[in-house]
Amino acid sequence: MLLDTASLYFRAYFGVPDSVRAPDGTPVNAVRGLLDFITRLVQDHRPDELVACWDEDWRPQWRVDLIPSYKAHRVVTETETGPDVEEIPDTLSPQVPVIEDVLAALGIARVGSAGYEADDVIGTLAGRAAGPVDIVTGDRDLFQLVDDARGVRVLYPRKGVGDCDLVDDELIRTKYGVRPDQYADFAALRGDASDGLPGVKGIGEKTAAQLITEYGDLAGVRAAAEDRTSKLTPAKRRGIVEAAAYLDVAPTVVRVAGDVPLPEFDPALPAEPRDPAALDALVKRWGLGGAVGRLLPVLTR
């Protein structure tokens, strides 16, 4: 089981009231919510291995170099030497180091790679996996990794992680009209305002799906646009041709990397906390007794 950790702790933050606080009054709603998410996921799906995949860089420079608008609307401060500073609610950002500390004390693997997003870590680990993989995320970009033949599916939370859509080949074909292996090209053509990807003017989700289905992939769509005998309307042809510079680079930005360098780590569910003393201190400091008390029996079952 691969967790898109930031996706889940953002969901926890907005789903759990900020009246959930530590003894000193500091909000810990994202921390407690994430721990309860993990409890429910492990309880419901019983993975052999669990990895909290991490954004070491939420807006990698190599993606920004290709499409400067990539996630630009979320930047608070640009930096020269490290990841840009992302716009995060004031009461969420202090909780992220607590999440890191609690995962470490529990012994749940937290894995990231410098210059890459959690999506890329997930893509690399899913590609390496010998057995079935459940990817837990609220990010549709990861639908491109779904593969029934390899047992790779996405658990896409609706309200909470106890109510997830099980995303497989059939669901993607039914909902979007494309195969999972076509999803990245479909997404590049459609664009995604939430990630600062403009897409092709005049081509929305339905038209993008129709074009990818008819011509097979983005290269086929672009070839059709250059072919005066193809059935493309003049408006679609013009939009695709005029978006050539974007379409040259968009697939690289949208596709999840599958060859990220990763550190050594142990993905096994911890049979007991890695650092019981540190965990006890964190529980007392942040008022996490209930959440940790629910999680430990599930991990060790």
Protein backbone atom coordinates (compact mmCIF):
# COMPACT_ATOMS: atom_id res chain seq x y z
CA MET A 1 0.00 0.00 0.00
CA LEU A 2 1.44 3.32 -1.16
CA LEU A 3 0.12 6.48 0.48
CA ASP A 4 0.13 9.83 -1.28
CA THR A 5 0.79 11.32 2.12
CA ALA A 6 0.29 15.02 1.42
CA SER A 7 -2.98 14.32 -0.38
CA LEU A 8 -4.18 12.48 2.72
CA TYR A 9 -3.02 14.94 5.36
CA PHE A 10 -4.57 17.83 3.41
CA ARG A 11 -7.80 15.83 3.29
CA ALA A 12 -7.51 15.13 7.03
CA TYR A 13 -6.86 18.81 7.78
CA PHE A 14 -9.99 19.97 5.99
CA GLY A 15 -12.09 17.03 7.17
CA VAL A 16 -11.30 17.05 10.90
CA PRO A 17 -12.30 20.15 12.91
CA ASP A 18 -9.43 22.39 14.05
CA SER A 19 -10.93 22.17 17.53
CA VAL A 20 -8.91 18.93 17.73
CA ARG A 21 -5.89 20.28 19.60
CA ALA A 22 -2.86 19.33 21.63
CA PRO A 23 -2.80 20.01 25.38
CA ASP A 24 -1.15 23.39 24.70
CA GLY A 25 -3.91 24.38 22.26
CA THR A 26 -1.99 23.72 19.03
CA PRO A 27 -4.22 22.25 16.29
CA VAL A 28 -3.39 18.61 15.52
CA ASN A 29 -6.38 17.79 13.33
CA ALA A 30 -4.23 16.79 10.33
CA VAL A 31 -2.02 14.56 12.48
CA ARG A 32 -4.90 12.77 14.17
CA GLY A 33 -6.88 12.55 10.95
CA LEU A 34 -3.98 11.00 9.05
CA LEU A 35 -3.35 8.44 11.80
CA ASP A 36 -7.03 7.49 11.78
CA PHE A 37 -6.89 7.22 7.97
CA ILE A 38 -3.96 4.81 8.25
CA THR A 39 -5.79 2.79 10.91
CA ARG A 40 -8.85 2.42 8.68
CA LEU A 41 -6.82 1.60 5.56
CA VAL A 42 -4.77 -1.10 7.27
CA GLN A 43 -7.86 -2.50 8.98
CA ASP A 44 -9.89 -2.65 5.77
CA HIS A 45 -7.22 -3.75 3.29
CA ARG A 46 -4.57 -5.59 5.37
CA PRO A 47 -1.50 -4.70 3.30
CA ASP A 48 1.73 -6.63 3.91
CA GLU A 49 3.73 -3.46 3.33
CA LEU A 50 2.96 0.22 3.81
CA VAL A 51 4.89 3.23 2.52
CA ALA A 52 4.10 6.88 3.24
CA CYS A 53 5.32 8.47 0.00
CA TRP A 54 6.57 12.01 0.45
CA ASP A 55 6.91 15.21 -1.59
CA GLU A 56 10.57 16.14 -1.19
CA ASP A 57 9.81 18.74 -3.87
CA TRP A 58 6.16 19.52 -4.54
CA ARG A 59 7.07 21.57 -7.65
CA PRO A 60 10.23 20.07 -9.17
CA GLN A 61 12.37 22.45 -11.17
CA TRP A 62 12.61 20.05 -14.10
CA ARG A 63 8.84 20.23 -14.50
CA VAL A 64 8.80 24.02 -14.07
CA ASP A 65 11.55 24.40 -16.70
CA LEU A 66 9.27 22.66 -19.18
CA ILE A 67 6.02 24.42 -18.20
CA PRO A 68 6.65 27.54 -16.05
CA SER A 69 2.96 27.78 -15.07
CA TYR A 70 3.14 24.35 -13.40
CA LYS A 71 1.59 24.83 -9.92
CA ALA A 72 2.68 28.49 -10.09
CA HIS A 73 -0.55 29.72 -8.51
CA ARG A 74 0.34 27.86 -5.28
CA VAL A 75 3.78 29.44 -4.84
CA VAL A 76 4.23 31.78 -1.88
CA THR A 77 7.99 32.25 -2.24
CA GLU A 78 10.37 31.14 -4.96
CA THR A 79 13.77 29.90 -3.79
CA GLU A 80 17.09 29.53 -5.58
CA THR A 81 18.49 26.52 -3.72
CA GLY A 82 15.53 24.36 -2.74
CA PRO A 83 11.83 23.69 -3.29
CA ASP A 84 9.62 26.76 -3.66
CA VAL A 85 7.46 27.54 -0.63
CA GLU A 86 3.91 26.25 -1.16
CA GLU A 87 0.78 28.03 0.02
CA ILE A 88 -0.36 25.95 3.00
CA PRO A 89 -2.85 26.93 5.72
CA ASP A 90 -1.06 28.50 8.70
CA THR A 91 -2.26 25.83 11.11
CA LEU A 92 -1.35 22.92 8.81
CA SER A 93 2.33 23.60 8.10
CA PRO A 94 3.42 23.17 11.77
CA GLN A 95 1.71 19.76 11.82
CA VAL A 96 3.79 18.31 8.98
CA PRO A 97 6.98 17.84 11.09
CA VAL A 98 4.83 16.18 13.77
CA ILE A 99 3.53 13.75 11.16
CA GLU A 100 7.12 12.98 10.15
CA ASP A 101 8.14 12.37 13.77
CA VAL A 102 5.16 10.13 14.54
CA LEU A 103 5.65 7.99 11.42
CA ALA A 104 9.34 7.58 12.31
CA ALA A 105 8.58 6.58 15.91
CA LEU A 106 5.95 4.10 14.74
CA GLY A 107 8.31 2.58 12.19
CA ILE A 108 6.11 3.29 9.16
CA ALA A 109 8.37 3.84 6.16
CA ARG A 110 8.36 7.42 4.86
CA VAL A 111 10.05 7.67 1.49
CA GLY A 112 10.85 10.63 -0.72
CA SER A 113 13.50 11.61 -3.24
CA ALA A 114 15.15 15.01 -3.72
CA GLY A 115 13.76 16.81 -6.76
CA TYR A 116 10.68 14.61 -7.06
CA GLU A 117 7.06 14.55 -5.99
CA ALA A 118 5.37 11.76 -4.06
CA ASP A 119 3.65 10.80 -7.34
CA ASP A 120 7.05 9.90 -8.78
CA VAL A 121 7.98 7.85 -5.72
CA ILE A 122 4.67 6.02 -6.04
CA GLY A 123 5.24 5.40 -9.75
CA THR A 124 8.68 3.97 -9.09
CA LEU A 125 7.57 1.71 -6.25
CA ALA A 126 4.48 0.53 -8.13
CA GLY A 127 6.68 -0.36 -11.09
CA ARG A 128 9.07 -2.34 -8.90
CA ALA A 129 6.38 -4.23 -6.97
CA ALA A 130 6.16 -7.96 -7.55
CA GLY A 131 2.62 -8.27 -6.19
CA PRO A 132 -0.62 -6.28 -6.06
CA VAL A 133 -0.42 -2.59 -5.17
CA ASP A 134 -3.03 -0.28 -3.65
CA ILE A 135 -2.29 3.43 -4.19
CA VAL A 136 -4.22 5.71 -1.84
CA THR A 137 -4.61 9.21 -3.25
CA GLY A 138 -7.04 11.99 -3.99
CA ASP A 139 -4.99 12.91 -7.09
CA ARG A 140 -6.40 11.71 -10.41
CA ASP A 141 -2.98 12.00 -12.07
CA LEU A 142 -2.11 8.65 -10.51
CA PHE A 143 -4.89 6.92 -12.46
CA GLN A 144 -2.24 6.50 -15.17
CA LEU A 145 -0.63 3.80 -13.00
CA VAL A 146 -3.70 1.56 -12.79
CA ASP A 147 -3.03 -1.84 -14.32
CA ASP A 148 -5.40 -4.76 -13.80
CA ALA A 149 -2.89 -7.22 -15.21
CA ARG A 150 -0.38 -6.32 -12.49
CA GLY A 151 -2.95 -5.79 -9.74
CA VAL A 152 -2.27 -2.05 -9.43
CA ARG A 153 -5.34 -0.06 -8.44
CA VAL A 154 -6.10 3.30 -6.85
CA LEU A 155 -8.16 3.79 -3.70
CA TYR A 156 -9.68 7.22 -4.31
CA PRO A 157 -11.30 8.62 -1.15
CA ARG A 158 -14.68 10.25 -1.47
CA LYS A 159 -15.54 11.51 2.03
CA GLY A 160 -13.01 9.54 4.06
CA VAL A 161 -10.74 6.59 3.43
CA GLY A 162 -13.48 4.27 4.63
CA ASP A 163 -15.44 5.31 1.54
CA CYS A 164 -13.09 4.90 -1.43
CA ASP A 165 -13.71 4.35 -5.10
CA LEU A 166 -11.71 1.31 -6.20
CA VAL A 167 -10.23 2.59 -9.43
CA ASP A 168 -9.43 -0.14 -11.92
CA ASP A 169 -9.25 -0.37 -15.72
CA GLU A 170 -13.02 -0.60 -16.09
CA LEU A 171 -13.79 2.43 -13.94
CA ILE A 172 -11.33 4.60 -15.89
CA ARG A 173 -12.72 3.45 -19.24
CA THR A 174 -16.29 4.00 -18.04
CA LYS A 175 -15.72 7.41 -16.45
CA TYR A 176 -13.16 8.93 -18.83
CA GLY A 177 -13.48 6.90 -22.03
CA VAL A 178 -9.77 6.01 -22.16
CA ARG A 179 -7.54 3.18 -20.96
CA PRO A 180 -5.25 3.78 -17.97
CA ASP A 181 -2.19 3.70 -20.27
CA GLN A 182 -3.79 6.53 -22.28
CA TYR A 183 -4.67 8.61 -19.23
CA ALA A 184 -1.50 10.76 -19.16
CA ASP A 185 -1.89 11.76 -22.84
CA PHE A 186 -5.59 12.45 -22.22
CA ALA A 187 -4.73 14.63 -19.19
CA ALA A 188 -2.06 16.56 -21.12
CA LEU A 189 -4.51 17.30 -23.93
CA ARG A 190 -7.32 18.28 -21.54
CA GLY A 191 -5.12 20.31 -19.20
CA ASP A 192 -5.60 20.80 -15.48
CA ALA A 193 -6.11 24.27 -14.04
CA SER A 194 -5.38 23.00 -10.51
CA ASP A 195 -1.83 22.16 -11.63
CA GLY A 196 -1.37 25.14 -13.94
CA LEU A 197 -1.53 23.04 -17.11
CA PRO A 198 -3.36 24.97 -19.85
CA GLY A 199 -4.22 22.05 -22.14
CA VAL A 200 -5.31 22.76 -25.71
CA LYS A 201 -7.71 25.64 -26.33
CA GLY A 202 -11.20 24.41 -27.08
CA ILE A 203 -10.56 20.83 -26.00
CA GLY A 204 -12.20 19.74 -22.78
CA GLU A 205 -12.46 16.37 -21.09
CA LYS A 206 -15.00 14.81 -23.44
CA THR A 207 -13.26 15.92 -26.63
CA ALA A 208 -9.85 14.90 -25.30
CA ALA A 209 -11.18 11.40 -24.60
CA GLN A 210 -12.73 11.18 -28.06
CA LEU A 211 -9.50 12.22 -29.77
CA ILE A 212 -7.28 9.87 -27.74
CA THR A 213 -9.70 6.99 -28.36
CA GLU A 214 -9.87 7.68 -32.10
CA TYR A 215 -6.16 8.27 -32.70
CA GLY A 216 -4.66 6.06 -29.97
CA ASP A 217 -2.35 8.49 -28.22
CA LEU A 218 -1.16 12.09 -28.24
CA ALA A 219 1.28 11.46 -31.06
CA GLY A 220 -1.58 10.11 -33.15
CA VAL A 221 -3.73 13.15 -32.38
CA ARG A 222 -0.92 15.50 -33.38
CA ALA A 223 -0.30 13.55 -36.58
CA ALA A 224 -4.00 13.84 -37.42
CA ALA A 225 -3.82 17.59 -36.90
CA GLU A 226 -1.03 17.81 -39.48
CA ASP A 227 -2.87 15.54 -41.91
CA ARG A 228 -5.27 17.61 -44.03
CA THR A 229 -7.21 14.46 -44.96
CA SER A 230 -8.07 13.59 -41.33
CA LYS A 231 -11.58 14.10 -39.95
CA LEU A 232 -10.57 16.78 -37.44
CA THR A 233 -12.59 19.98 -37.57
CA PRO A 234 -10.68 23.13 -38.54
CA ALA A 235 -11.03 24.52 -35.00
CA LYS A 236 -9.60 21.39 -33.35
CA ARG A 237 -6.84 21.14 -35.94
CA ARG A 238 -5.87 24.76 -35.39
CA GLY A 239 -5.93 24.44 -31.60
CA ILE A 240 -3.68 21.37 -31.62
CA VAL A 241 -1.20 22.87 -34.09
CA GLU A 242 -1.03 26.17 -32.20
CA ALA A 243 -0.40 24.29 -28.93
CA ALA A 244 2.63 22.50 -30.38
CA ALA A 245 5.12 24.02 -27.92
CA TYR A 246 2.97 22.96 -24.96
CA LEU A 247 2.30 19.50 -26.35
CA ASP A 248 6.03 18.96 -26.95
CA VAL A 249 6.65 19.03 -23.19
CA ALA A 250 3.32 18.36 -21.46
CA PRO A 251 3.58 14.54 -21.54
CA THR A 252 6.88 14.67 -19.65
CA VAL A 253 5.34 16.92 -17.01
CA VAL A 254 2.14 14.91 -16.64
CA ARG A 255 3.65 11.43 -16.70
CA VAL A 256 4.74 10.03 -13.37
CA ALA A 257 8.45 9.24 -13.24
CA GLY A 258 9.19 5.56 -12.89
CA ASP A 259 12.93 5.61 -12.23
CA VAL A 260 13.36 7.77 -9.14
CA PRO A 261 16.46 7.07 -7.00
CA LEU A 262 15.23 5.93 -3.60
CA PRO A 263 16.97 5.25 -0.27
CA GLU A 264 17.00 1.87 1.39
CA PHE A 265 13.95 1.37 3.60
CA ASP A 266 11.86 -1.34 5.21
CA PRO A 267 8.26 -1.26 3.94
CA ALA A 268 6.97 -3.98 6.27
CA LEU A 269 4.16 -3.10 8.64
CA PRO A 270 5.83 -2.56 12.03
CA ALA A 271 5.05 -5.32 14.53
CA GLU A 272 5.85 -2.85 17.29
CA PRO A 273 6.86 0.82 17.46
CA ARG A 274 10.41 1.44 16.27
CA ASP A 275 11.02 3.94 19.07
CA PRO A 276 8.50 3.43 21.91
CA ALA A 277 10.03 6.16 24.09
CA ALA A 278 9.86 8.74 21.30
CA LEU A 279 6.32 7.69 20.45
CA ASP A 280 5.23 8.00 24.08
CA ALA A 281 6.72 11.51 24.25
CA LEU A 282 4.96 12.52 21.04
CA VAL A 283 1.65 11.12 22.28
CA LYS A 284 1.89 13.15 25.48
CA ARG A 285 3.19 16.31 23.81
CA TRP A 286 0.53 16.40 21.08
CA GLY A 287 -2.39 14.62 22.73
CA LEU A 288 -2.39 11.69 20.32
CA GLY A 289 -3.28 8.94 22.76
CA GLY A 290 -6.59 8.09 21.13
CA ALA A 291 -5.33 8.03 17.54
CA VAL A 292 -2.16 6.07 18.33
CA GLY A 293 -4.13 3.78 20.63
CA ARG A 294 -6.42 2.91 17.73
CA LEU A 295 -3.56 2.40 15.27
CA LEU A 296 -1.16 0.20 17.24
CA PRO A 297 -3.46 -2.83 17.67
CA VAL A 298 -4.27 -2.75 13.95
CA LEU A 299 -0.58 -2.64 12.95
CA THR A 300 0.37 -5.49 15.25
CA ARG A 301 -2.65 -7.72 14.57
